[in-house]
Protein backbone atom coordinates (compact mmCIF):
# COMPACT_ATOMS: atom_id res chain seq x y z
CA UNK A 1 0.00 0.00 0.00
CA UNK A 2 1.39 3.41 -1.03
CA UNK A 3 1.82 6.20 1.48
CA UNK A 4 -0.90 8.35 -0.08
CA UNK A 5 -3.37 5.47 -0.04
CA UNK A 6 -2.59 4.73 3.61
CA UNK A 7 -3.05 8.39 4.60
CA UNK A 8 -6.31 8.64 2.67
CA UNK A 9 -7.76 5.49 4.23
CA UNK A 10 -6.84 6.65 7.73
CA UNK A 11 -8.38 10.09 7.17
CA UNK A 12 -11.93 8.82 6.69
CA UNK A 13 -12.97 10.24 10.06
CA UNK A 14 -12.81 13.79 8.66
CA UNK A 15 -16.02 13.04 6.75
CA UNK A 16 -17.82 12.77 10.08
CA UNK A 17 -17.20 16.45 10.81
CA UNK A 18 -19.36 17.42 7.80
CA UNK A 19 -22.29 15.78 9.54
CA UNK A 20 -22.43 18.39 12.29
CA UNK A 21 -26.01 19.24 11.32
CA UNK A 22 -27.00 15.69 12.34
CA UNK A 23 -24.83 15.86 15.45
CA UNK A 24 -22.09 13.37 14.48
CA UNK A 25 -19.07 15.65 14.08
CA UNK A 26 -17.96 15.05 17.67
CA UNK A 27 -17.55 11.32 16.97
CA UNK A 28 -14.52 12.09 14.76
CA UNK A 29 -12.55 13.59 17.65
CA UNK A 30 -13.51 10.84 20.08
CA UNK A 31 -12.35 8.30 17.50
CA UNK A 32 -8.93 9.84 16.82
CA UNK A 33 -8.41 10.46 20.53
CA UNK A 34 -8.92 6.80 21.35
CA UNK A 35 -7.01 5.51 18.31
CA UNK A 36 -4.00 7.78 18.81
CA UNK A 37 -4.19 7.62 22.62
CA UNK A 38 -4.64 11.39 23.03
CA UNK A 39 -6.99 12.48 25.82
CA UNK A 40 -7.00 16.10 24.64
CA UNK A 41 -8.68 15.12 21.38
CA UNK A 42 -11.28 13.14 23.30
CA UNK A 43 -11.99 16.33 25.28
CA UNK A 44 -12.49 18.22 21.99
CA UNK A 45 -15.05 15.62 21.00
CA UNK A 46 -16.95 16.19 24.24
CA UNK A 47 -16.93 19.97 23.64
CA UNK A 48 -18.32 19.55 20.11
CA UNK A 49 -21.03 17.31 21.58
CA UNK A 50 -22.36 20.05 23.89
CA UNK A 51 -24.51 21.90 21.25
CA UNK A 52 -26.17 18.62 20.26
CA UNK A 53 -27.03 17.92 23.90
CA UNK A 54 -28.46 21.42 24.39
CA UNK A 55 -30.63 21.09 21.30
CA UNK A 56 -32.04 17.80 22.58
CA UNK A 57 -32.90 19.54 25.84
CA UNK A 58 -34.54 22.71 24.44
CA UNK A 59 -35.84 21.51 21.05
CA UNK A 60 -39.20 20.23 22.44
CA UNK A 61 -40.25 23.85 23.06
CA UNK A 62 -39.79 24.72 19.39
CA UNK A 63 -43.14 23.33 18.12
CA UNK A 64 -45.03 25.46 20.65
CA UNK A 65 -43.52 28.60 19.11
CA UNK A 66 -44.01 27.41 15.53
CA UNK A 67 -41.43 26.41 12.95
CA UNK A 68 -39.73 29.80 12.93
CA UNK A 69 -36.91 30.13 15.42
CA UNK A 70 -35.82 33.63 16.32
CA UNK A 71 -32.08 34.13 16.38
CA UNK A 72 -32.25 35.97 19.70
CA UNK A 73 -34.12 33.12 21.38
CA UNK A 74 -32.32 30.50 23.43
CA UNK A 75 -32.92 27.81 20.82
CA UNK A 76 -31.76 30.16 18.09
CA UNK A 77 -28.56 30.84 19.96
CA UNK A 78 -27.98 27.12 20.42
CA UNK A 79 -28.55 26.44 16.70
CA UNK A 80 -26.16 29.23 15.81
CA UNK A 81 -23.62 27.76 18.21
CA UNK A 82 -24.11 24.35 16.60
CA UNK A 83 -23.48 25.77 13.13
CA UNK A 84 -20.42 27.79 14.15
CA UNK A 85 -18.86 24.93 16.09
CA UNK A 86 -19.62 22.58 13.20
CA UNK A 87 -17.60 24.75 10.81
CA UNK A 88 -14.84 25.03 13.39
CA UNK A 89 -14.78 21.25 13.83
CA UNK A 90 -14.19 20.77 10.09
CA UNK A 91 -11.25 23.18 10.11
CA UNK A 92 -9.99 21.65 13.34
CA UNK A 93 -10.11 18.14 11.86
CA UNK A 94 -7.94 19.10 8.88
CA UNK A 95 -5.55 20.83 11.28
CA UNK A 96 -5.18 17.68 13.41
CA UNK A 97 -4.97 15.29 10.46
CA UNK A 98 -1.19 15.55 10.00
CA UNK A 99 -0.45 15.04 13.69
CA UNK A 100 -2.92 12.17 13.89
CA UNK A 101 -1.34 10.33 10.95
CA UNK A 102 2.12 10.82 12.46
CA UNK A 103 0.97 9.48 15.81
CA UNK A 104 -0.78 6.56 14.13
CA UNK A 105 2.35 5.67 12.16
CA UNK A 106 4.52 5.89 15.27
CA UNK A 107 2.18 3.65 17.25
CA UNK A 108 2.13 1.14 14.40
CA UNK A 109 5.93 1.06 14.29
CA UNK A 110 6.06 0.58 18.05
CA UNK A 111 3.64 -2.34 17.85
CA UNK A 112 5.64 -3.86 15.00
CA UNK A 113 8.89 -3.50 16.94
CA UNK A 114 7.34 -5.06 20.02
CA UNK A 115 6.05 -7.93 17.90
CA UNK A 116 9.49 -8.45 16.32
CA UNK A 117 11.15 -8.31 19.73
CA UNK A 118 8.69 -10.87 21.05
CA UNK A 119 9.49 -13.19 18.13
CA UNK A 120 13.24 -12.76 18.70
CA UNK A 121 12.89 -13.48 22.43
CA UNK A 122 10.78 -16.58 21.77
CA UNK A 123 13.28 -17.76 19.13
CA UNK A 124 16.25 -17.23 21.46
CA UNK A 125 14.41 -18.93 24.31
CA UNK A 126 13.57 -21.96 22.14
CA UNK A 127 17.16 -22.18 20.91
CA UNK A 128 18.48 -21.93 24.47
CA UNK A 129 16.16 -24.71 25.64
CA UNK A 130 17.07 -26.84 22.63
CA UNK A 131 20.79 -26.27 23.22
CA UNK A 132 20.42 -27.09 26.91
CA UNK A 133 18.48 -30.25 26.10
CA UNK A 134 21.07 -31.29 23.50
CA UNK A 135 23.88 -30.84 26.02
CA UNK A 136 22.09 -32.73 28.77
CA UNK A 137 20.85 -35.61 26.61
CA UNK A 138 24.24 -37.35 26.09
CA UNK A 139 24.96 -37.12 29.81
CA UNK A 140 21.56 -38.51 30.67
CA UNK A 141 21.88 -41.33 28.15
CA UNK A 142 25.35 -42.18 29.41
CA UNK A 143 24.10 -42.19 32.99
CA UNK A 144 21.20 -44.46 32.08
CA UNK A 145 23.50 -46.79 30.19
CA UNK A 146 25.99 -46.95 33.03
CA UNK A 147 23.29 -47.85 35.51
CA UNK A 148 21.81 -50.45 33.20
CA UNK A 149 18.75 -48.21 32.70
CA UNK A 150 17.50 -49.50 36.04
CA UNK A 151 19.75 -49.04 39.06
CA UNK A 152 21.74 -46.19 40.53
CA UNK A 153 25.30 -47.01 41.45
CA UNK A 154 25.02 -45.25 44.77
CA UNK A 155 22.16 -47.51 45.89
CA UNK A 156 24.14 -50.78 45.71
CA UNK A 157 25.77 -52.18 48.85
CA UNK A 158 27.59 -55.48 48.57
CA UNK A 159 28.35 -57.12 51.95
CA UNK A 160 30.06 -60.15 50.37
CA UNK A 161 32.06 -60.56 47.14
CA UNK A 162 30.21 -61.81 44.09
CA UNK A 163 31.49 -64.82 42.18
CA UNK A 164 30.99 -63.75 38.58
CA UNK A 165 31.51 -67.29 37.28
CA UNK A 166 29.09 -69.09 39.60
CA UNK A 167 26.68 -66.79 41.44
CA UNK A 168 23.08 -66.47 40.15
CA UNK A 169 21.78 -63.53 38.19
CA UNK A 170 20.18 -61.90 41.24
CA UNK A 171 23.60 -61.64 42.86
CA UNK A 172 25.24 -60.35 39.68
CA UNK A 173 22.55 -57.69 39.43
CA UNK A 174 23.79 -56.27 42.74
CA UNK A 175 27.07 -55.19 41.11
CA UNK A 176 27.42 -51.47 40.37
CA UNK A 177 26.28 -50.70 36.84
CA UNK A 178 24.87 -54.18 36.20
CA UNK A 179 21.13 -54.39 35.69
CA UNK A 180 19.05 -57.53 35.92
CA UNK A 181 19.01 -57.70 32.12
CA UNK A 182 22.81 -57.63 31.96
CA UNK A 183 22.99 -60.16 34.78
CA UNK A 184 20.75 -62.53 32.78
CA UNK A 185 23.03 -62.04 29.79
CA UNK A 186 26.10 -62.88 31.90
CA UNK A 187 24.49 -66.10 33.12
CA UNK A 188 23.47 -67.06 29.57
CA UNK A 189 27.04 -66.56 28.40
CA UNK A 190 28.27 -68.76 31.26
CA UNK A 191 25.78 -71.46 30.32
CA UNK A 192 27.07 -71.36 26.76
CA UNK A 193 30.53 -72.24 28.09
CA UNK A 194 32.07 -68.82 28.56
CA UNK A 195 33.85 -68.08 31.84
CA UNK A 196 35.41 -64.86 33.00
CA UNK A 197 39.09 -64.77 33.94
CA UNK A 198 39.02 -61.11 35.01
CA UNK A 199 36.80 -58.11 35.57
CA UNK A 200 37.83 -56.90 32.13
CA UNK A 201 36.51 -60.12 30.53
CA UNK A 202 33.24 -59.65 32.39
CA UNK A 203 33.00 -56.00 31.31
CA UNK A 204 33.78 -56.75 27.66
CA UNK A 205 31.18 -59.52 27.54
CA UNK A 206 28.45 -57.23 28.88
CA UNK A 207 29.61 -54.08 27.10
CA UNK A 208 30.37 -52.18 30.32
CA UNK A 209 32.33 -48.96 30.23
CA UNK A 210 35.88 -48.99 31.64
CA UNK A 211 35.02 -46.88 34.68
CA UNK A 212 32.17 -49.28 35.53
CA UNK A 213 34.60 -52.18 35.34
CA UNK A 214 36.85 -50.37 37.82
CA UNK A 215 33.90 -49.91 40.17
CA UNK A 216 32.98 -53.58 40.25
CA UNK A 217 36.53 -54.91 40.82
CA UNK A 218 36.42 -54.55 44.64
CA UNK A 219 33.14 -56.49 44.78
CA UNK A 220 33.92 -59.60 42.75
CA UNK A 221 35.87 -62.81 43.08
CA UNK A 222 36.85 -65.11 40.23
CA UNK A 223 36.53 -68.87 40.78
CA UNK A 224 36.55 -71.63 38.17
CA UNK A 225 33.29 -72.28 36.42
CA UNK A 226 31.15 -74.75 38.38
CA UNK A 227 30.76 -77.97 36.41
CA UNK A 228 27.19 -78.39 37.70
CA UNK A 229 26.01 -75.39 35.64
CA UNK A 230 24.01 -76.35 32.56
CA UNK A 231 26.02 -76.02 29.39
CA UNK A 232 24.71 -76.05 25.91
CA UNK A 233 27.84 -78.05 24.99
CA UNK A 234 28.76 -80.26 27.96
CA UNK A 235 32.09 -81.28 26.55
CA UNK A 236 33.27 -77.67 26.66
CA UNK A 237 34.57 -76.96 30.18
CA UNK A 238 35.28 -73.38 29.48
CA UNK A 239 36.58 -70.98 26.97
CA UNK A 240 37.46 -67.31 27.19
CA UNK A 241 35.37 -64.84 25.26
CA UNK A 242 37.12 -63.61 22.16
CA UNK A 243 36.17 -60.03 21.35
C-alpha atoms as a PDB file:
ATOM      1  CA  UNK A   1       0.000   0.000   0.000  1.00  0.00           C
ATOM      2  CA  UNK A   2       1.387   3.405  -1.026  1.00  0.00           C
ATOM      3  CA  UNK A   3       1.824   6.200   1.481  1.00  0.00           C
ATOM      4  CA  UNK A   4      -0.899   8.351  -0.082  1.00  0.00           C
ATOM      5  CA  UNK A   5      -3.374   5.470  -0.039  1.00  0.00           C
ATOM      6  CA  UNK A   6      -2.593   4.733   3.605  1.00  0.00           C
ATOM      7  CA  UNK A   7      -3.050   8.394   4.596  1.00  0.00           C
ATOM      8  CA  UNK A   8      -6.307   8.638   2.673  1.00  0.00           C
ATOM      9  CA  UNK A   9      -7.756   5.494   4.233  1.00  0.00           C
ATOM     10  CA  UNK A  10      -6.840   6.649   7.728  1.00  0.00           C
ATOM     11  CA  UNK A  11      -8.376  10.087   7.166  1.00  0.00           C
ATOM     12  CA  UNK A  12     -11.932   8.821   6.689  1.00  0.00           C
ATOM     13  CA  UNK A  13     -12.973  10.244  10.058  1.00  0.00           C
ATOM     14  CA  UNK A  14     -12.812  13.791   8.662  1.00  0.00           C
ATOM     15  CA  UNK A  15     -16.018  13.040   6.747  1.00  0.00           C
ATOM     16  CA  UNK A  16     -17.821  12.771  10.082  1.00  0.00           C
ATOM     17  CA  UNK A  17     -17.205  16.453  10.806  1.00  0.00           C
ATOM     18  CA  UNK A  18     -19.360  17.422   7.796  1.00  0.00           C
ATOM     19  CA  UNK A  19     -22.291  15.780   9.545  1.00  0.00           C
ATOM     20  CA  UNK A  20     -22.433  18.385  12.291  1.00  0.00           C
ATOM     21  CA  UNK A  21     -26.012  19.237  11.317  1.00  0.00           C
ATOM     22  CA  UNK A  22     -27.001  15.695  12.338  1.00  0.00           C
ATOM     23  CA  UNK A  23     -24.831  15.862  15.447  1.00  0.00           C
ATOM     24  CA  UNK A  24     -22.093  13.366  14.479  1.00  0.00           C
ATOM     25  CA  UNK A  25     -19.066  15.650  14.078  1.00  0.00           C
ATOM     26  CA  UNK A  26     -17.958  15.046  17.675  1.00  0.00           C
ATOM     27  CA  UNK A  27     -17.547  11.318  16.965  1.00  0.00           C
ATOM     28  CA  UNK A  28     -14.520  12.093  14.758  1.00  0.00           C
ATOM     29  CA  UNK A  29     -12.549  13.590  17.651  1.00  0.00           C
ATOM     30  CA  UNK A  30     -13.510  10.841  20.077  1.00  0.00           C
ATOM     31  CA  UNK A  31     -12.348   8.299  17.499  1.00  0.00           C
ATOM     32  CA  UNK A  32      -8.928   9.839  16.823  1.00  0.00           C
ATOM     33  CA  UNK A  33      -8.413  10.463  20.528  1.00  0.00           C
ATOM     34  CA  UNK A  34      -8.921   6.800  21.347  1.00  0.00           C
ATOM     35  CA  UNK A  35      -7.015   5.508  18.312  1.00  0.00           C
ATOM     36  CA  UNK A  36      -4.000   7.784  18.814  1.00  0.00           C
ATOM     37  CA  UNK A  37      -4.185   7.621  22.622  1.00  0.00           C
ATOM     38  CA  UNK A  38      -4.638  11.394  23.033  1.00  0.00           C
ATOM     39  CA  UNK A  39      -6.987  12.484  25.816  1.00  0.00           C
ATOM     40  CA  UNK A  40      -7.000  16.098  24.640  1.00  0.00           C
ATOM     41  CA  UNK A  41      -8.675  15.119  21.379  1.00  0.00           C
ATOM     42  CA  UNK A  42     -11.278  13.142  23.304  1.00  0.00           C
ATOM     43  CA  UNK A  43     -11.992  16.328  25.276  1.00  0.00           C
ATOM     44  CA  UNK A  44     -12.487  18.219  21.988  1.00  0.00           C
ATOM     45  CA  UNK A  45     -15.053  15.618  20.998  1.00  0.00           C
ATOM     46  CA  UNK A  46     -16.945  16.186  24.245  1.00  0.00           C
ATOM     47  CA  UNK A  47     -16.929  19.971  23.636  1.00  0.00           C
ATOM     48  CA  UNK A  48     -18.318  19.552  20.114  1.00  0.00           C
ATOM     49  CA  UNK A  49     -21.029  17.315  21.580  1.00  0.00           C
ATOM     50  CA  UNK A  50     -22.364  20.055  23.889  1.00  0.00           C
ATOM     51  CA  UNK A  51     -24.512  21.901  21.254  1.00  0.00           C
ATOM     52  CA  UNK A  52     -26.169  18.621  20.261  1.00  0.00           C
ATOM     53  CA  UNK A  53     -27.025  17.917  23.897  1.00  0.00           C
ATOM     54  CA  UNK A  54     -28.457  21.419  24.395  1.00  0.00           C
ATOM     55  CA  UNK A  55     -30.634  21.088  21.304  1.00  0.00           C
ATOM     56  CA  UNK A  56     -32.036  17.795  22.579  1.00  0.00           C
ATOM     57  CA  UNK A  57     -32.901  19.540  25.840  1.00  0.00           C
ATOM     58  CA  UNK A  58     -34.542  22.707  24.437  1.00  0.00           C
ATOM     59  CA  UNK A  59     -35.840  21.508  21.051  1.00  0.00           C
ATOM     60  CA  UNK A  60     -39.203  20.228  22.438  1.00  0.00           C
ATOM     61  CA  UNK A  61     -40.251  23.848  23.065  1.00  0.00           C
ATOM     62  CA  UNK A  62     -39.791  24.724  19.391  1.00  0.00           C
ATOM     63  CA  UNK A  63     -43.138  23.330  18.125  1.00  0.00           C
ATOM     64  CA  UNK A  64     -45.035  25.464  20.646  1.00  0.00           C
ATOM     65  CA  UNK A  65     -43.518  28.598  19.105  1.00  0.00           C
ATOM     66  CA  UNK A  66     -44.008  27.414  15.527  1.00  0.00           C
ATOM     67  CA  UNK A  67     -41.432  26.409  12.954  1.00  0.00           C
ATOM     68  CA  UNK A  68     -39.732  29.803  12.929  1.00  0.00           C
ATOM     69  CA  UNK A  69     -36.908  30.131  15.418  1.00  0.00           C
ATOM     70  CA  UNK A  70     -35.816  33.626  16.324  1.00  0.00           C
ATOM     71  CA  UNK A  71     -32.078  34.135  16.382  1.00  0.00           C
ATOM     72  CA  UNK A  72     -32.247  35.974  19.695  1.00  0.00           C
ATOM     73  CA  UNK A  73     -34.124  33.119  21.383  1.00  0.00           C
ATOM     74  CA  UNK A  74     -32.324  30.502  23.430  1.00  0.00           C
ATOM     75  CA  UNK A  75     -32.919  27.809  20.825  1.00  0.00           C
ATOM     76  CA  UNK A  76     -31.758  30.159  18.088  1.00  0.00           C
ATOM     77  CA  UNK A  77     -28.560  30.844  19.961  1.00  0.00           C
ATOM     78  CA  UNK A  78     -27.981  27.122  20.416  1.00  0.00           C
ATOM     79  CA  UNK A  79     -28.554  26.439  16.701  1.00  0.00           C
ATOM     80  CA  UNK A  80     -26.165  29.231  15.812  1.00  0.00           C
ATOM     81  CA  UNK A  81     -23.624  27.761  18.210  1.00  0.00           C
ATOM     82  CA  UNK A  82     -24.107  24.352  16.595  1.00  0.00           C
ATOM     83  CA  UNK A  83     -23.482  25.771  13.128  1.00  0.00           C
ATOM     84  CA  UNK A  84     -20.422  27.788  14.151  1.00  0.00           C
ATOM     85  CA  UNK A  85     -18.865  24.927  16.090  1.00  0.00           C
ATOM     86  CA  UNK A  86     -19.625  22.578  13.205  1.00  0.00           C
ATOM     87  CA  UNK A  87     -17.604  24.749  10.814  1.00  0.00           C
ATOM     88  CA  UNK A  88     -14.837  25.035  13.388  1.00  0.00           C
ATOM     89  CA  UNK A  89     -14.783  21.255  13.831  1.00  0.00           C
ATOM     90  CA  UNK A  90     -14.191  20.774  10.091  1.00  0.00           C
ATOM     91  CA  UNK A  91     -11.247  23.183  10.107  1.00  0.00           C
ATOM     92  CA  UNK A  92      -9.986  21.649  13.336  1.00  0.00           C
ATOM     93  CA  UNK A  93     -10.108  18.145  11.861  1.00  0.00           C
ATOM     94  CA  UNK A  94      -7.943  19.099   8.882  1.00  0.00           C
ATOM     95  CA  UNK A  95      -5.552  20.828  11.275  1.00  0.00           C
ATOM     96  CA  UNK A  96      -5.183  17.684  13.409  1.00  0.00           C
ATOM     97  CA  UNK A  97      -4.970  15.294  10.459  1.00  0.00           C
ATOM     98  CA  UNK A  98      -1.191  15.546   9.996  1.00  0.00           C
ATOM     99  CA  UNK A  99      -0.447  15.038  13.694  1.00  0.00           C
ATOM    100  CA  UNK A 100      -2.920  12.171  13.887  1.00  0.00           C
ATOM    101  CA  UNK A 101      -1.344  10.329  10.952  1.00  0.00           C
ATOM    102  CA  UNK A 102       2.115  10.823  12.455  1.00  0.00           C
ATOM    103  CA  UNK A 103       0.973   9.476  15.809  1.00  0.00           C
ATOM    104  CA  UNK A 104      -0.776   6.563  14.130  1.00  0.00           C
ATOM    105  CA  UNK A 105       2.348   5.673  12.157  1.00  0.00           C
ATOM    106  CA  UNK A 106       4.522   5.894  15.268  1.00  0.00           C
ATOM    107  CA  UNK A 107       2.180   3.654  17.247  1.00  0.00           C
ATOM    108  CA  UNK A 108       2.125   1.136  14.405  1.00  0.00           C
ATOM    109  CA  UNK A 109       5.933   1.056  14.287  1.00  0.00           C
ATOM    110  CA  UNK A 110       6.057   0.583  18.052  1.00  0.00           C
ATOM    111  CA  UNK A 111       3.645  -2.342  17.851  1.00  0.00           C
ATOM    112  CA  UNK A 112       5.640  -3.864  14.997  1.00  0.00           C
ATOM    113  CA  UNK A 113       8.891  -3.498  16.942  1.00  0.00           C
ATOM    114  CA  UNK A 114       7.336  -5.064  20.017  1.00  0.00           C
ATOM    115  CA  UNK A 115       6.050  -7.933  17.897  1.00  0.00           C
ATOM    116  CA  UNK A 116       9.488  -8.454  16.316  1.00  0.00           C
ATOM    117  CA  UNK A 117      11.149  -8.313  19.727  1.00  0.00           C
ATOM    118  CA  UNK A 118       8.689 -10.873  21.045  1.00  0.00           C
ATOM    119  CA  UNK A 119       9.488 -13.186  18.130  1.00  0.00           C
ATOM    120  CA  UNK A 120      13.242 -12.762  18.704  1.00  0.00           C
ATOM    121  CA  UNK A 121      12.888 -13.481  22.427  1.00  0.00           C
ATOM    122  CA  UNK A 122      10.781 -16.580  21.766  1.00  0.00           C
ATOM    123  CA  UNK A 123      13.275 -17.764  19.128  1.00  0.00           C
ATOM    124  CA  UNK A 124      16.252 -17.227  21.457  1.00  0.00           C
ATOM    125  CA  UNK A 125      14.407 -18.934  24.315  1.00  0.00           C
ATOM    126  CA  UNK A 126      13.566 -21.955  22.140  1.00  0.00           C
ATOM    127  CA  UNK A 127      17.161 -22.182  20.908  1.00  0.00           C
ATOM    128  CA  UNK A 128      18.481 -21.932  24.471  1.00  0.00           C
ATOM    129  CA  UNK A 129      16.162 -24.712  25.638  1.00  0.00           C
ATOM    130  CA  UNK A 130      17.074 -26.843  22.632  1.00  0.00           C
ATOM    131  CA  UNK A 131      20.788 -26.275  23.223  1.00  0.00           C
ATOM    132  CA  UNK A 132      20.418 -27.093  26.913  1.00  0.00           C
ATOM    133  CA  UNK A 133      18.484 -30.249  26.096  1.00  0.00           C
ATOM    134  CA  UNK A 134      21.072 -31.287  23.502  1.00  0.00           C
ATOM    135  CA  UNK A 135      23.884 -30.840  26.016  1.00  0.00           C
ATOM    136  CA  UNK A 136      22.093 -32.730  28.771  1.00  0.00           C
ATOM    137  CA  UNK A 137      20.848 -35.614  26.610  1.00  0.00           C
ATOM    138  CA  UNK A 138      24.240 -37.351  26.088  1.00  0.00           C
ATOM    139  CA  UNK A 139      24.964 -37.116  29.812  1.00  0.00           C
ATOM    140  CA  UNK A 140      21.557 -38.514  30.672  1.00  0.00           C
ATOM    141  CA  UNK A 141      21.883 -41.330  28.149  1.00  0.00           C
ATOM    142  CA  UNK A 142      25.350 -42.176  29.414  1.00  0.00           C
ATOM    143  CA  UNK A 143      24.102 -42.188  32.990  1.00  0.00           C
ATOM    144  CA  UNK A 144      21.205 -44.464  32.084  1.00  0.00           C
ATOM    145  CA  UNK A 145      23.497 -46.793  30.189  1.00  0.00           C
ATOM    146  CA  UNK A 146      25.993 -46.945  33.028  1.00  0.00           C
ATOM    147  CA  UNK A 147      23.291 -47.848  35.513  1.00  0.00           C
ATOM    148  CA  UNK A 148      21.814 -50.453  33.204  1.00  0.00           C
ATOM    149  CA  UNK A 149      18.751 -48.211  32.695  1.00  0.00           C
ATOM    150  CA  UNK A 150      17.496 -49.502  36.036  1.00  0.00           C
ATOM    151  CA  UNK A 151      19.748 -49.038  39.065  1.00  0.00           C
ATOM    152  CA  UNK A 152      21.742 -46.193  40.530  1.00  0.00           C
ATOM    153  CA  UNK A 153      25.303 -47.006  41.447  1.00  0.00           C
ATOM    154  CA  UNK A 154      25.025 -45.253  44.772  1.00  0.00           C
ATOM    155  CA  UNK A 155      22.164 -47.514  45.888  1.00  0.00           C
ATOM    156  CA  UNK A 156      24.139 -50.778  45.707  1.00  0.00           C
ATOM    157  CA  UNK A 157      25.766 -52.182  48.845  1.00  0.00           C
ATOM    158  CA  UNK A 158      27.593 -55.480  48.573  1.00  0.00           C
ATOM    159  CA  UNK A 159      28.349 -57.116  51.949  1.00  0.00           C
ATOM    160  CA  UNK A 160      30.062 -60.149  50.373  1.00  0.00           C
ATOM    161  CA  UNK A 161      32.059 -60.557  47.138  1.00  0.00           C
ATOM    162  CA  UNK A 162      30.206 -61.805  44.086  1.00  0.00           C
ATOM    163  CA  UNK A 163      31.488 -64.817  42.184  1.00  0.00           C
ATOM    164  CA  UNK A 164      30.986 -63.752  38.579  1.00  0.00           C
ATOM    165  CA  UNK A 165      31.513 -67.293  37.283  1.00  0.00           C
ATOM    166  CA  UNK A 166      29.091 -69.095  39.599  1.00  0.00           C
ATOM    167  CA  UNK A 167      26.682 -66.788  41.438  1.00  0.00           C
ATOM    168  CA  UNK A 168      23.082 -66.474  40.155  1.00  0.00           C
ATOM    169  CA  UNK A 169      21.778 -63.528  38.186  1.00  0.00           C
ATOM    170  CA  UNK A 170      20.180 -61.900  41.237  1.00  0.00           C
ATOM    171  CA  UNK A 171      23.599 -61.643  42.857  1.00  0.00           C
ATOM    172  CA  UNK A 172      25.239 -60.354  39.677  1.00  0.00           C
ATOM    173  CA  UNK A 173      22.549 -57.688  39.430  1.00  0.00           C
ATOM    174  CA  UNK A 174      23.794 -56.265  42.736  1.00  0.00           C
ATOM    175  CA  UNK A 175      27.068 -55.194  41.115  1.00  0.00           C
ATOM    176  CA  UNK A 176      27.417 -51.473  40.369  1.00  0.00           C
ATOM    177  CA  UNK A 177      26.277 -50.697  36.840  1.00  0.00           C
ATOM    178  CA  UNK A 178      24.874 -54.185  36.196  1.00  0.00           C
ATOM    179  CA  UNK A 179      21.134 -54.390  35.690  1.00  0.00           C
ATOM    180  CA  UNK A 180      19.051 -57.528  35.923  1.00  0.00           C
ATOM    181  CA  UNK A 181      19.008 -57.702  32.120  1.00  0.00           C
ATOM    182  CA  UNK A 182      22.809 -57.629  31.963  1.00  0.00           C
ATOM    183  CA  UNK A 183      22.986 -60.162  34.777  1.00  0.00           C
ATOM    184  CA  UNK A 184      20.755 -62.531  32.777  1.00  0.00           C
ATOM    185  CA  UNK A 185      23.031 -62.040  29.789  1.00  0.00           C
ATOM    186  CA  UNK A 186      26.101 -62.876  31.899  1.00  0.00           C
ATOM    187  CA  UNK A 187      24.488 -66.105  33.115  1.00  0.00           C
ATOM    188  CA  UNK A 188      23.465 -67.062  29.570  1.00  0.00           C
ATOM    189  CA  UNK A 189      27.038 -66.562  28.404  1.00  0.00           C
ATOM    190  CA  UNK A 190      28.268 -68.755  31.263  1.00  0.00           C
ATOM    191  CA  UNK A 191      25.775 -71.459  30.323  1.00  0.00           C
ATOM    192  CA  UNK A 192      27.072 -71.356  26.764  1.00  0.00           C
ATOM    193  CA  UNK A 193      30.529 -72.243  28.087  1.00  0.00           C
ATOM    194  CA  UNK A 194      32.070 -68.821  28.559  1.00  0.00           C
ATOM    195  CA  UNK A 195      33.847 -68.080  31.841  1.00  0.00           C
ATOM    196  CA  UNK A 196      35.413 -64.864  32.997  1.00  0.00           C
ATOM    197  CA  UNK A 197      39.087 -64.765  33.945  1.00  0.00           C
ATOM    198  CA  UNK A 198      39.024 -61.115  35.010  1.00  0.00           C
ATOM    199  CA  UNK A 199      36.799 -58.111  35.567  1.00  0.00           C
ATOM    200  CA  UNK A 200      37.831 -56.904  32.128  1.00  0.00           C
ATOM    201  CA  UNK A 201      36.509 -60.117  30.531  1.00  0.00           C
ATOM    202  CA  UNK A 202      33.238 -59.650  32.391  1.00  0.00           C
ATOM    203  CA  UNK A 203      32.996 -56.003  31.312  1.00  0.00           C
ATOM    204  CA  UNK A 204      33.782 -56.753  27.659  1.00  0.00           C
ATOM    205  CA  UNK A 205      31.184 -59.522  27.539  1.00  0.00           C
ATOM    206  CA  UNK A 206      28.450 -57.229  28.877  1.00  0.00           C
ATOM    207  CA  UNK A 207      29.606 -54.076  27.099  1.00  0.00           C
ATOM    208  CA  UNK A 208      30.367 -52.183  30.319  1.00  0.00           C
ATOM    209  CA  UNK A 209      32.331 -48.964  30.226  1.00  0.00           C
ATOM    210  CA  UNK A 210      35.883 -48.994  31.642  1.00  0.00           C
ATOM    211  CA  UNK A 211      35.018 -46.881  34.680  1.00  0.00           C
ATOM    212  CA  UNK A 212      32.167 -49.282  35.531  1.00  0.00           C
ATOM    213  CA  UNK A 213      34.604 -52.179  35.335  1.00  0.00           C
ATOM    214  CA  UNK A 214      36.845 -50.367  37.817  1.00  0.00           C
ATOM    215  CA  UNK A 215      33.900 -49.906  40.172  1.00  0.00           C
ATOM    216  CA  UNK A 216      32.980 -53.584  40.252  1.00  0.00           C
ATOM    217  CA  UNK A 217      36.527 -54.908  40.822  1.00  0.00           C
ATOM    218  CA  UNK A 218      36.418 -54.554  44.644  1.00  0.00           C
ATOM    219  CA  UNK A 219      33.143 -56.490  44.783  1.00  0.00           C
ATOM    220  CA  UNK A 220      33.917 -59.600  42.749  1.00  0.00           C
ATOM    221  CA  UNK A 221      35.870 -62.811  43.080  1.00  0.00           C
ATOM    222  CA  UNK A 222      36.846 -65.113  40.234  1.00  0.00           C
ATOM    223  CA  UNK A 223      36.528 -68.866  40.776  1.00  0.00           C
ATOM    224  CA  UNK A 224      36.552 -71.634  38.171  1.00  0.00           C
ATOM    225  CA  UNK A 225      33.289 -72.279  36.416  1.00  0.00           C
ATOM    226  CA  UNK A 226      31.147 -74.754  38.381  1.00  0.00           C
ATOM    227  CA  UNK A 227      30.756 -77.971  36.405  1.00  0.00           C
ATOM    228  CA  UNK A 228      27.194 -78.393  37.700  1.00  0.00           C
ATOM    229  CA  UNK A 229      26.014 -75.386  35.639  1.00  0.00           C
ATOM    230  CA  UNK A 230      24.010 -76.353  32.562  1.00  0.00           C
ATOM    231  CA  UNK A 231      26.024 -76.021  29.386  1.00  0.00           C
ATOM    232  CA  UNK A 232      24.715 -76.048  25.913  1.00  0.00           C
ATOM    233  CA  UNK A 233      27.836 -78.045  24.990  1.00  0.00           C
ATOM    234  CA  UNK A 234      28.760 -80.263  27.959  1.00  0.00           C
ATOM    235  CA  UNK A 235      32.089 -81.278  26.547  1.00  0.00           C
ATOM    236  CA  UNK A 236      33.274 -77.667  26.661  1.00  0.00           C
ATOM    237  CA  UNK A 237      34.572 -76.958  30.179  1.00  0.00           C
ATOM    238  CA  UNK A 238      35.276 -73.381  29.483  1.00  0.00           C
ATOM    239  CA  UNK A 239      36.580 -70.975  26.969  1.00  0.00           C
ATOM    240  CA  UNK A 240      37.460 -67.314  27.192  1.00  0.00           C
ATOM    241  CA  UNK A 241      35.366 -64.838  25.263  1.00  0.00           C
ATOM    242  CA  UNK A 242      37.125 -63.612  22.164  1.00  0.00           C
ATOM    243  CA  UNK A 243      36.174 -60.026  21.348  1.00  0.00           C
END
